[in-house]
Amino acid sequence: MRRIAIFISGEGSNALKMLDEYSSSQTIDVALVYSSKHNLKVQNACKEKGVEFHFLTWNLKTQEDILGLCIKKDISWVVLAGFLKLIPESFIDSFPNKIVNIHPALLPKFGGKGMYGMRVHEAVIASKSSESGISIHFVNGAYDEGQIIAQFKVGLEPNETPETLSLKIRTLEHMYFSETVVQLVQGNL
């Protein structure tokens, strides 16, 4: 059984899905959820599932505390599920090729600092791309530049809006992210 930590900054829909799916898993145990923003919905889900939850502002002290907690809890993998903060080298050194992130576009396009949420979807539409998707990738210390593990695509309609594209992307995330993490943790990717 691999113990994972999930880091979030937003509404946490992927974290909620993982908490549900992994609660009966023989492979993955969610041992910790960390949020850089207040999230009562995820906090309550963690309480219900018996998963430790922490909400702290992301700063140097927090980074050290959360890293220490991950090591103490024998975390094998760190899953960034909508986490918007840069991961420091201390984490990357402690979890080499064991930190995975999801991005709501097909990297290497539409990534980097400040490219999250609706900004990504607006940029995809403005570029007149015929498709978008999600990229699941390793974290390497730079925003969205880690090695790509898997990508899943969706076509864009001529009248696509950032809101409709966001819904398509969220559907892809919920279809593929948690299963890709399982395959990765099991050594199948």
N, C-alpha and C. Protein backbone atom coordinates (compact mmCIF):
# COMPACT_ATOMS: atom_id res chain seq x y z
N MET A 1 0.86 -1.19 0.00
CA MET A 1 0.00 0.00 0.00
C MET A 1 0.89 1.23 0.00
N ARG A 2 0.64 2.13 -0.96
CA ARG A 2 1.39 3.38 -1.06
C ARG A 2 0.60 4.50 -0.40
N ARG A 3 1.25 5.25 0.45
CA ARG A 3 0.62 6.38 1.14
C ARG A 3 0.90 7.64 0.32
N ILE A 4 -0.18 8.38 0.01
CA ILE A 4 -0.03 9.60 -0.77
C ILE A 4 -0.52 10.81 0.01
N ALA A 5 0.02 11.96 -0.38
CA ALA A 5 -0.47 13.25 0.10
C ALA A 5 -1.03 13.98 -1.11
N ILE A 6 -2.17 14.63 -0.93
CA ILE A 6 -2.79 15.42 -1.99
C ILE A 6 -2.72 16.88 -1.58
N PHE A 7 -2.21 17.72 -2.48
CA PHE A 7 -2.12 19.16 -2.24
C PHE A 7 -3.11 19.87 -3.15
N ILE A 8 -3.87 20.82 -2.59
CA ILE A 8 -4.86 21.58 -3.36
C ILE A 8 -4.75 23.07 -3.06
N SER A 9 -5.26 23.87 -3.98
CA SER A 9 -5.39 25.32 -3.77
C SER A 9 -6.78 25.82 -4.13
N GLY A 10 -7.54 25.03 -4.86
CA GLY A 10 -8.85 25.48 -5.35
C GLY A 10 -10.00 24.76 -4.69
N GLU A 11 -11.02 24.47 -5.50
CA GLU A 11 -12.22 23.86 -4.93
C GLU A 11 -12.02 22.39 -4.57
N GLY A 12 -11.04 21.73 -5.15
CA GLY A 12 -10.69 20.39 -4.72
C GLY A 12 -11.52 19.26 -5.29
N SER A 13 -12.09 19.45 -6.47
CA SER A 13 -12.96 18.38 -7.03
C SER A 13 -12.17 17.10 -7.31
N ASN A 14 -10.92 17.24 -7.78
CA ASN A 14 -10.12 16.03 -8.01
C ASN A 14 -9.73 15.36 -6.70
N ALA A 15 -9.44 16.15 -5.68
CA ALA A 15 -9.13 15.59 -4.36
C ALA A 15 -10.34 14.84 -3.81
N LEU A 16 -11.53 15.40 -3.95
CA LEU A 16 -12.74 14.73 -3.48
C LEU A 16 -12.94 13.40 -4.21
N LYS A 17 -12.72 13.41 -5.51
CA LYS A 17 -12.86 12.18 -6.30
C LYS A 17 -11.86 11.13 -5.82
N MET A 18 -10.62 11.55 -5.60
CA MET A 18 -9.59 10.61 -5.13
C MET A 18 -9.91 10.09 -3.73
N LEU A 19 -10.39 10.95 -2.85
CA LEU A 19 -10.76 10.50 -1.52
C LEU A 19 -11.82 9.40 -1.60
N ASP A 20 -12.80 9.59 -2.47
CA ASP A 20 -13.85 8.57 -2.65
C ASP A 20 -13.30 7.30 -3.27
N GLU A 21 -12.59 7.44 -4.38
CA GLU A 21 -12.11 6.27 -5.10
C GLU A 21 -11.08 5.47 -4.32
N TYR A 22 -10.19 6.16 -3.63
CA TYR A 22 -9.10 5.46 -2.96
C TYR A 22 -9.49 4.93 -1.58
N SER A 23 -10.66 5.30 -1.07
CA SER A 23 -11.05 4.87 0.27
C SER A 23 -11.16 3.35 0.38
N SER A 24 -11.41 2.67 -0.74
CA SER A 24 -11.49 1.21 -0.72
C SER A 24 -10.36 0.57 -1.52
N SER A 25 -9.33 1.34 -1.82
CA SER A 25 -8.23 0.86 -2.64
C SER A 25 -7.31 -0.09 -1.87
N GLN A 26 -6.80 -1.08 -2.57
CA GLN A 26 -5.80 -1.98 -2.02
C GLN A 26 -4.39 -1.48 -2.36
N THR A 27 -4.31 -0.39 -3.12
CA THR A 27 -3.03 0.12 -3.62
C THR A 27 -2.63 1.44 -2.99
N ILE A 28 -3.62 2.34 -2.81
CA ILE A 28 -3.34 3.71 -2.38
C ILE A 28 -4.09 4.04 -1.10
N ASP A 29 -3.36 4.68 -0.18
CA ASP A 29 -3.94 5.19 1.05
C ASP A 29 -3.69 6.69 1.08
N VAL A 30 -4.74 7.50 1.05
CA VAL A 30 -4.58 8.94 1.18
C VAL A 30 -4.34 9.22 2.66
N ALA A 31 -3.12 9.62 2.99
CA ALA A 31 -2.75 9.82 4.38
C ALA A 31 -2.82 11.28 4.80
N LEU A 32 -2.85 12.19 3.82
CA LEU A 32 -2.77 13.61 4.14
C LEU A 32 -3.32 14.43 2.98
N VAL A 33 -4.11 15.44 3.30
CA VAL A 33 -4.51 16.45 2.32
C VAL A 33 -4.09 17.80 2.88
N TYR A 34 -3.36 18.55 2.06
CA TYR A 34 -2.93 19.90 2.44
C TYR A 34 -3.57 20.89 1.47
N SER A 35 -4.14 21.96 2.03
CA SER A 35 -4.74 23.01 1.21
C SER A 35 -4.10 24.35 1.55
N SER A 36 -3.73 25.10 0.51
CA SER A 36 -3.16 26.43 0.72
C SER A 36 -4.25 27.49 0.87
N LYS A 37 -5.51 27.09 0.70
CA LYS A 37 -6.66 27.98 0.90
C LYS A 37 -7.71 27.24 1.71
N HIS A 38 -8.51 28.01 2.42
CA HIS A 38 -9.58 27.40 3.22
C HIS A 38 -10.52 26.62 2.30
N ASN A 39 -10.85 25.39 2.68
CA ASN A 39 -11.74 24.54 1.86
C ASN A 39 -12.52 23.63 2.79
N LEU A 40 -13.67 24.10 3.23
CA LEU A 40 -14.48 23.37 4.20
C LEU A 40 -15.01 22.06 3.62
N LYS A 41 -15.35 22.06 2.33
CA LYS A 41 -15.89 20.85 1.70
C LYS A 41 -14.87 19.70 1.73
N VAL A 42 -13.64 19.99 1.35
CA VAL A 42 -12.60 18.96 1.36
C VAL A 42 -12.24 18.61 2.80
N GLN A 43 -12.19 19.60 3.66
CA GLN A 43 -11.89 19.35 5.08
C GLN A 43 -12.92 18.39 5.68
N ASN A 44 -14.21 18.61 5.40
CA ASN A 44 -15.26 17.72 5.91
C ASN A 44 -15.16 16.32 5.32
N ALA A 45 -14.83 16.24 4.02
CA ALA A 45 -14.66 14.92 3.39
C ALA A 45 -13.50 14.17 4.03
N CYS A 46 -12.43 14.87 4.33
CA CYS A 46 -11.28 14.23 4.99
C CYS A 46 -11.68 13.72 6.37
N LYS A 47 -12.41 14.54 7.10
CA LYS A 47 -12.86 14.14 8.44
C LYS A 47 -13.71 12.87 8.35
N GLU A 48 -14.62 12.84 7.38
CA GLU A 48 -15.50 11.69 7.18
C GLU A 48 -14.70 10.42 6.84
N LYS A 49 -13.61 10.58 6.08
CA LYS A 49 -12.81 9.43 5.63
C LYS A 49 -11.66 9.11 6.59
N GLY A 50 -11.48 9.93 7.63
CA GLY A 50 -10.39 9.69 8.57
C GLY A 50 -9.03 10.07 8.01
N VAL A 51 -9.00 11.08 7.14
CA VAL A 51 -7.76 11.53 6.51
C VAL A 51 -7.33 12.85 7.15
N GLU A 52 -6.07 12.95 7.50
CA GLU A 52 -5.55 14.16 8.10
C GLU A 52 -5.60 15.32 7.09
N PHE A 53 -6.11 16.47 7.53
CA PHE A 53 -6.26 17.65 6.68
C PHE A 53 -5.54 18.82 7.32
N HIS A 54 -4.81 19.58 6.52
CA HIS A 54 -4.13 20.78 7.00
C HIS A 54 -4.41 21.93 6.05
N PHE A 55 -4.78 23.08 6.63
CA PHE A 55 -4.92 24.32 5.88
C PHE A 55 -3.96 25.33 6.49
N LEU A 56 -2.96 25.70 5.71
CA LEU A 56 -1.95 26.67 6.14
C LEU A 56 -1.54 27.50 4.94
N THR A 57 -1.23 28.76 5.17
CA THR A 57 -0.70 29.60 4.10
C THR A 57 0.65 29.03 3.66
N TRP A 58 0.90 28.99 2.35
CA TRP A 58 2.12 28.42 1.80
C TRP A 58 3.26 29.42 1.94
N ASN A 59 4.16 29.15 2.87
CA ASN A 59 5.35 29.98 3.06
C ASN A 59 6.49 29.05 3.44
N LEU A 60 7.67 29.60 3.69
CA LEU A 60 8.84 28.77 3.97
C LEU A 60 8.62 27.87 5.18
N LYS A 61 8.05 28.41 6.25
CA LYS A 61 7.79 27.61 7.46
C LYS A 61 6.81 26.49 7.16
N THR A 62 5.73 26.80 6.45
CA THR A 62 4.75 25.78 6.10
C THR A 62 5.37 24.70 5.23
N GLN A 63 6.18 25.10 4.26
CA GLN A 63 6.84 24.12 3.39
C GLN A 63 7.67 23.15 4.21
N GLU A 64 8.42 23.66 5.16
CA GLU A 64 9.24 22.80 6.03
C GLU A 64 8.36 21.89 6.88
N ASP A 65 7.28 22.45 7.45
CA ASP A 65 6.37 21.67 8.29
C ASP A 65 5.68 20.57 7.50
N ILE A 66 5.19 20.91 6.31
CA ILE A 66 4.47 19.91 5.50
C ILE A 66 5.44 18.85 4.99
N LEU A 67 6.65 19.24 4.61
CA LEU A 67 7.65 18.25 4.20
C LEU A 67 7.96 17.31 5.35
N GLY A 68 8.17 17.87 6.53
CA GLY A 68 8.42 17.03 7.71
C GLY A 68 7.26 16.09 7.99
N LEU A 69 6.04 16.58 7.84
CA LEU A 69 4.86 15.75 8.06
C LEU A 69 4.78 14.63 7.02
N CYS A 70 5.08 14.95 5.77
CA CYS A 70 5.06 13.92 4.72
C CYS A 70 6.09 12.82 5.02
N ILE A 71 7.24 13.22 5.46
CA ILE A 71 8.28 12.24 5.79
C ILE A 71 7.85 11.42 7.00
N LYS A 72 7.34 12.08 8.03
CA LYS A 72 6.88 11.40 9.25
C LYS A 72 5.77 10.40 8.94
N LYS A 73 4.86 10.76 8.02
CA LYS A 73 3.73 9.90 7.68
C LYS A 73 4.09 8.86 6.61
N ASP A 74 5.36 8.79 6.24
CA ASP A 74 5.85 7.80 5.27
C ASP A 74 5.13 7.91 3.93
N ILE A 75 4.97 9.15 3.47
CA ILE A 75 4.33 9.42 2.18
C ILE A 75 5.25 8.93 1.06
N SER A 76 4.67 8.20 0.10
CA SER A 76 5.42 7.72 -1.06
C SER A 76 5.30 8.65 -2.26
N TRP A 77 4.12 9.24 -2.42
CA TRP A 77 3.83 10.10 -3.58
C TRP A 77 3.12 11.35 -3.11
N VAL A 78 3.39 12.47 -3.79
CA VAL A 78 2.67 13.72 -3.57
C VAL A 78 1.92 14.02 -4.86
N VAL A 79 0.61 14.21 -4.74
CA VAL A 79 -0.25 14.47 -5.89
C VAL A 79 -0.76 15.90 -5.80
N LEU A 80 -0.40 16.71 -6.79
CA LEU A 80 -0.87 18.09 -6.85
C LEU A 80 -2.16 18.11 -7.67
N ALA A 81 -3.26 18.37 -7.01
CA ALA A 81 -4.57 18.34 -7.66
C ALA A 81 -5.15 19.76 -7.64
N GLY A 82 -4.64 20.60 -8.54
CA GLY A 82 -5.07 21.98 -8.54
C GLY A 82 -4.30 22.81 -7.53
N PHE A 83 -3.06 22.43 -7.28
CA PHE A 83 -2.21 23.17 -6.35
C PHE A 83 -1.45 24.22 -7.15
N LEU A 84 -1.56 25.49 -6.75
CA LEU A 84 -1.06 26.59 -7.57
C LEU A 84 0.27 27.16 -7.11
N LYS A 85 0.89 26.54 -6.14
CA LYS A 85 2.15 27.07 -5.60
C LYS A 85 3.34 26.29 -6.18
N LEU A 86 4.47 26.98 -6.28
CA LEU A 86 5.68 26.33 -6.77
C LEU A 86 6.23 25.41 -5.68
N ILE A 87 6.57 24.20 -6.07
CA ILE A 87 7.11 23.21 -5.13
C ILE A 87 8.62 23.48 -4.97
N PRO A 88 9.09 23.62 -3.74
CA PRO A 88 10.51 23.92 -3.53
C PRO A 88 11.41 22.70 -3.78
N GLU A 89 12.68 22.99 -3.99
CA GLU A 89 13.66 21.94 -4.26
C GLU A 89 13.72 20.91 -3.13
N SER A 90 13.50 21.34 -1.89
CA SER A 90 13.55 20.40 -0.76
C SER A 90 12.53 19.28 -0.94
N PHE A 91 11.34 19.61 -1.45
CA PHE A 91 10.33 18.59 -1.72
C PHE A 91 10.76 17.70 -2.89
N ILE A 92 11.25 18.33 -3.94
CA ILE A 92 11.63 17.57 -5.14
C ILE A 92 12.78 16.62 -4.81
N ASP A 93 13.72 17.08 -4.00
CA ASP A 93 14.83 16.22 -3.59
C ASP A 93 14.36 15.07 -2.70
N SER A 94 13.34 15.32 -1.87
CA SER A 94 12.83 14.28 -0.97
C SER A 94 11.92 13.28 -1.68
N PHE A 95 11.30 13.71 -2.78
CA PHE A 95 10.38 12.85 -3.54
C PHE A 95 10.74 12.88 -5.03
N PRO A 96 11.95 12.42 -5.39
CA PRO A 96 12.35 12.49 -6.81
C PRO A 96 11.45 11.61 -7.69
N ASN A 97 10.88 12.23 -8.72
CA ASN A 97 9.94 11.55 -9.63
C ASN A 97 8.79 10.90 -8.89
N LYS A 98 8.38 11.52 -7.79
CA LYS A 98 7.25 11.02 -7.00
C LYS A 98 6.26 12.13 -6.69
N ILE A 99 6.39 13.26 -7.42
CA ILE A 99 5.42 14.36 -7.30
C ILE A 99 4.78 14.52 -8.67
N VAL A 100 3.47 14.39 -8.71
CA VAL A 100 2.74 14.44 -9.98
C VAL A 100 1.73 15.59 -9.93
N ASN A 101 1.56 16.24 -11.07
CA ASN A 101 0.67 17.39 -11.19
C ASN A 101 -0.26 17.19 -12.39
N ILE A 102 -1.37 17.90 -12.36
CA ILE A 102 -2.28 17.93 -13.51
C ILE A 102 -2.40 19.37 -13.98
N HIS A 103 -2.42 19.54 -15.30
CA HIS A 103 -2.57 20.87 -15.90
C HIS A 103 -3.73 20.82 -16.89
N PRO A 104 -4.58 21.86 -16.91
CA PRO A 104 -5.79 21.84 -17.74
C PRO A 104 -5.57 22.27 -19.19
N ALA A 105 -4.49 21.82 -19.79
CA ALA A 105 -4.21 22.08 -21.22
C ALA A 105 -3.16 21.08 -21.67
N LEU A 106 -2.91 21.07 -22.97
CA LEU A 106 -1.92 20.16 -23.54
C LEU A 106 -0.55 20.83 -23.51
N LEU A 107 0.22 20.49 -22.51
CA LEU A 107 1.58 21.05 -22.40
C LEU A 107 2.43 20.54 -23.56
N PRO A 108 3.42 21.28 -24.03
CA PRO A 108 4.01 22.43 -23.37
C PRO A 108 3.30 23.76 -23.64
N LYS A 109 2.26 23.76 -24.45
CA LYS A 109 1.52 25.00 -24.68
C LYS A 109 0.68 25.35 -23.46
N PHE A 110 0.45 26.63 -23.27
CA PHE A 110 -0.49 27.16 -22.28
C PHE A 110 -0.14 26.77 -20.84
N GLY A 111 1.15 26.69 -20.55
CA GLY A 111 1.61 26.39 -19.19
C GLY A 111 2.48 27.51 -18.67
N GLY A 112 2.95 27.34 -17.46
CA GLY A 112 3.86 28.31 -16.85
C GLY A 112 3.18 29.11 -15.76
N LYS A 113 3.97 29.96 -15.15
CA LYS A 113 3.48 30.78 -14.04
C LYS A 113 2.27 31.61 -14.47
N GLY A 114 1.24 31.57 -13.66
CA GLY A 114 0.04 32.35 -13.93
C GLY A 114 -0.95 31.69 -14.86
N MET A 115 -0.60 30.55 -15.43
CA MET A 115 -1.51 29.85 -16.35
C MET A 115 -2.28 28.78 -15.58
N TYR A 116 -3.44 29.18 -15.10
CA TYR A 116 -4.32 28.27 -14.38
C TYR A 116 -5.76 28.73 -14.56
N GLY A 117 -6.68 27.83 -14.28
CA GLY A 117 -8.10 28.17 -14.34
C GLY A 117 -8.54 28.70 -15.69
N MET A 118 -9.41 29.69 -15.66
CA MET A 118 -9.98 30.24 -16.89
C MET A 118 -8.94 30.89 -17.79
N ARG A 119 -7.83 31.35 -17.22
CA ARG A 119 -6.77 31.95 -18.04
C ARG A 119 -6.29 30.96 -19.10
N VAL A 120 -6.16 29.70 -18.70
CA VAL A 120 -5.70 28.67 -19.64
C VAL A 120 -6.72 28.50 -20.76
N HIS A 121 -7.98 28.36 -20.40
CA HIS A 121 -9.03 28.12 -21.39
C HIS A 121 -9.19 29.33 -22.33
N GLU A 122 -9.07 30.53 -21.79
CA GLU A 122 -9.12 31.73 -22.63
C GLU A 122 -7.97 31.74 -23.63
N ALA A 123 -6.78 31.35 -23.19
CA ALA A 123 -5.61 31.34 -24.08
C ALA A 123 -5.76 30.27 -25.16
N VAL A 124 -6.29 29.12 -24.81
CA VAL A 124 -6.51 28.05 -25.80
C VAL A 124 -7.47 28.53 -26.88
N ILE A 125 -8.57 29.12 -26.47
CA ILE A 125 -9.58 29.60 -27.43
C ILE A 125 -9.01 30.73 -28.28
N ALA A 126 -8.31 31.66 -27.66
CA ALA A 126 -7.71 32.79 -28.40
C ALA A 126 -6.70 32.32 -29.44
N SER A 127 -6.07 31.17 -29.20
CA SER A 127 -5.06 30.66 -30.14
C SER A 127 -5.69 29.95 -31.34
N LYS A 128 -7.01 29.80 -31.31
CA LYS A 128 -7.74 29.11 -32.38
C LYS A 128 -7.37 27.62 -32.48
N SER A 129 -6.96 27.04 -31.35
CA SER A 129 -6.65 25.61 -31.32
C SER A 129 -7.90 24.80 -31.60
N SER A 130 -7.71 23.65 -32.22
CA SER A 130 -8.85 22.77 -32.50
C SER A 130 -9.07 21.77 -31.38
N GLU A 131 -8.11 21.70 -30.44
CA GLU A 131 -8.24 20.76 -29.34
C GLU A 131 -7.55 21.31 -28.09
N SER A 132 -7.95 20.75 -26.97
CA SER A 132 -7.29 21.01 -25.70
C SER A 132 -7.28 19.69 -24.94
N GLY A 133 -7.04 19.75 -23.66
CA GLY A 133 -7.02 18.52 -22.89
C GLY A 133 -6.37 18.72 -21.54
N ILE A 134 -5.90 17.61 -21.00
CA ILE A 134 -5.19 17.66 -19.72
C ILE A 134 -3.83 17.01 -19.89
N SER A 135 -2.88 17.50 -19.11
CA SER A 135 -1.54 16.93 -19.07
C SER A 135 -1.24 16.53 -17.63
N ILE A 136 -0.87 15.28 -17.44
CA ILE A 136 -0.44 14.79 -16.15
C ILE A 136 1.07 14.65 -16.25
N HIS A 137 1.78 15.31 -15.34
CA HIS A 137 3.24 15.37 -15.48
C HIS A 137 3.95 15.35 -14.14
N PHE A 138 5.23 14.99 -14.17
CA PHE A 138 6.07 15.07 -12.97
C PHE A 138 6.40 16.53 -12.70
N VAL A 139 6.72 16.82 -11.46
CA VAL A 139 7.07 18.17 -11.04
C VAL A 139 8.60 18.25 -10.94
N ASN A 140 9.15 19.33 -11.53
CA ASN A 140 10.61 19.47 -11.56
C ASN A 140 11.13 20.79 -11.00
N GLY A 141 10.31 21.59 -10.40
CA GLY A 141 10.77 22.86 -9.83
C GLY A 141 10.45 24.08 -10.66
N ALA A 142 9.95 23.90 -11.87
CA ALA A 142 9.49 25.00 -12.71
C ALA A 142 8.02 24.73 -13.04
N TYR A 143 7.23 25.77 -13.14
CA TYR A 143 5.81 25.58 -13.42
C TYR A 143 5.60 24.83 -14.74
N ASP A 144 4.96 23.67 -14.67
CA ASP A 144 4.46 22.92 -15.83
C ASP A 144 5.55 22.46 -16.81
N GLU A 145 6.77 22.29 -16.34
CA GLU A 145 7.85 21.89 -17.24
C GLU A 145 8.33 20.46 -17.01
N GLY A 146 7.77 19.75 -16.05
CA GLY A 146 8.20 18.39 -15.77
C GLY A 146 7.81 17.43 -16.88
N GLN A 147 8.45 16.28 -16.88
CA GLN A 147 8.20 15.25 -17.89
C GLN A 147 6.72 14.86 -17.92
N ILE A 148 6.16 14.82 -19.12
CA ILE A 148 4.74 14.47 -19.28
C ILE A 148 4.58 12.97 -19.13
N ILE A 149 3.61 12.58 -18.31
CA ILE A 149 3.29 11.18 -18.06
C ILE A 149 2.19 10.73 -19.01
N ALA A 150 1.13 11.55 -19.12
CA ALA A 150 0.00 11.20 -19.99
C ALA A 150 -0.75 12.47 -20.36
N GLN A 151 -1.36 12.44 -21.55
CA GLN A 151 -2.24 13.53 -21.99
C GLN A 151 -3.52 12.93 -22.54
N PHE A 152 -4.62 13.63 -22.30
CA PHE A 152 -5.93 13.22 -22.81
C PHE A 152 -6.55 14.45 -23.46
N LYS A 153 -7.13 14.25 -24.65
CA LYS A 153 -7.57 15.38 -25.49
C LYS A 153 -9.08 15.45 -25.64
N VAL A 154 -9.51 16.66 -25.98
CA VAL A 154 -10.91 16.93 -26.29
C VAL A 154 -10.93 17.98 -27.39
N GLY A 155 -11.87 17.85 -28.33
CA GLY A 155 -12.00 18.82 -29.42
C GLY A 155 -12.73 20.07 -28.98
N LEU A 156 -12.45 21.16 -29.68
CA LEU A 156 -13.14 22.42 -29.42
C LEU A 156 -14.17 22.67 -30.51
N GLU A 157 -15.31 23.18 -30.11
CA GLU A 157 -16.38 23.55 -31.04
C GLU A 157 -16.13 24.98 -31.54
N PRO A 158 -16.69 25.33 -32.70
CA PRO A 158 -16.49 26.69 -33.22
C PRO A 158 -16.99 27.78 -32.26
N ASN A 159 -18.01 27.49 -31.48
CA ASN A 159 -18.57 28.48 -30.56
C ASN A 159 -18.12 28.24 -29.11
N GLU A 160 -16.99 27.58 -28.93
CA GLU A 160 -16.49 27.24 -27.58
C GLU A 160 -16.24 28.50 -26.76
N THR A 161 -16.62 28.45 -25.50
CA THR A 161 -16.34 29.53 -24.55
C THR A 161 -15.41 28.98 -23.47
N PRO A 162 -14.75 29.85 -22.72
CA PRO A 162 -13.93 29.36 -21.62
C PRO A 162 -14.74 28.51 -20.63
N GLU A 163 -15.98 28.88 -20.43
CA GLU A 163 -16.83 28.14 -19.49
C GLU A 163 -17.16 26.73 -20.01
N THR A 164 -17.50 26.60 -21.31
CA THR A 164 -17.82 25.28 -21.84
C THR A 164 -16.56 24.42 -21.93
N LEU A 165 -15.44 25.05 -22.25
CA LEU A 165 -14.18 24.30 -22.31
C LEU A 165 -13.79 23.84 -20.90
N SER A 166 -14.00 24.68 -19.91
CA SER A 166 -13.70 24.31 -18.53
C SER A 166 -14.47 23.05 -18.12
N LEU A 167 -15.72 22.98 -18.50
CA LEU A 167 -16.53 21.79 -18.18
C LEU A 167 -15.99 20.55 -18.87
N LYS A 168 -15.58 20.68 -20.12
CA LYS A 168 -15.00 19.54 -20.84
C LYS A 168 -13.71 19.07 -20.17
N ILE A 169 -12.89 20.02 -19.77
CA ILE A 169 -11.61 19.70 -19.14
C ILE A 169 -11.85 19.03 -17.79
N ARG A 170 -12.78 19.55 -17.01
CA ARG A 170 -13.10 18.96 -15.71
C ARG A 170 -13.57 17.51 -15.88
N THR A 171 -14.35 17.26 -16.92
CA THR A 171 -14.79 15.89 -17.21
C THR A 171 -13.60 14.98 -17.49
N LEU A 172 -12.65 15.46 -18.30
CA LEU A 172 -11.45 14.68 -18.58
C LEU A 172 -10.66 14.41 -17.29
N GLU A 173 -10.52 15.43 -16.46
CA GLU A 173 -9.78 15.26 -15.20
C GLU A 173 -10.41 14.16 -14.36
N HIS A 174 -11.73 14.21 -14.23
CA HIS A 174 -12.41 13.22 -13.40
C HIS A 174 -12.39 11.83 -14.01
N MET A 175 -12.30 11.75 -15.33
CA MET A 175 -12.23 10.45 -16.00
C MET A 175 -10.85 9.80 -15.86
N TYR A 176 -9.78 10.62 -15.91
CA TYR A 176 -8.44 10.05 -16.09
C TYR A 176 -7.43 10.30 -14.98
N PHE A 177 -7.56 11.36 -14.20
CA PHE A 177 -6.49 11.71 -13.27
C PHE A 177 -6.29 10.66 -12.19
N SER A 178 -7.34 10.31 -11.48
CA SER A 178 -7.18 9.37 -10.37
C SER A 178 -6.71 8.00 -10.86
N GLU A 179 -7.20 7.54 -11.99
CA GLU A 179 -6.76 6.24 -12.53
C GLU A 179 -5.31 6.30 -13.00
N THR A 180 -4.89 7.42 -13.57
CA THR A 180 -3.50 7.56 -14.00
C THR A 180 -2.58 7.53 -12.78
N VAL A 181 -2.99 8.16 -11.68
CA VAL A 181 -2.20 8.11 -10.47
C VAL A 181 -2.09 6.68 -9.97
N VAL A 182 -3.17 5.91 -10.01
CA VAL A 182 -3.12 4.50 -9.60
C VAL A 182 -2.12 3.74 -10.44
N GLN A 183 -2.20 3.90 -11.76
CA GLN A 183 -1.28 3.21 -12.66
C GLN A 183 0.17 3.61 -12.41
N LEU A 184 0.39 4.87 -12.15
CA LEU A 184 1.72 5.37 -11.87
C LEU A 184 2.28 4.78 -10.57
N VAL A 185 1.49 4.82 -9.53
CA VAL A 185 1.90 4.31 -8.22
C VAL A 185 2.18 2.80 -8.29
N GLN A 186 1.41 2.09 -9.10
CA GLN A 186 1.60 0.65 -9.26
C GLN A 186 2.79 0.32 -10.16
N GLY A 187 3.39 1.33 -10.78
CA GLY A 187 4.53 1.10 -11.64
C GLY A 187 4.16 0.69 -13.06
N ASN A 188 2.92 0.95 -13.45
CA ASN A 188 2.44 0.56 -14.78
C ASN A 188 2.61 1.66 -15.82
N LEU A 189 3.16 2.80 -15.44
CA LEU A 189 3.40 3.91 -16.39
C LEU A 189 4.86 4.31 -16.34
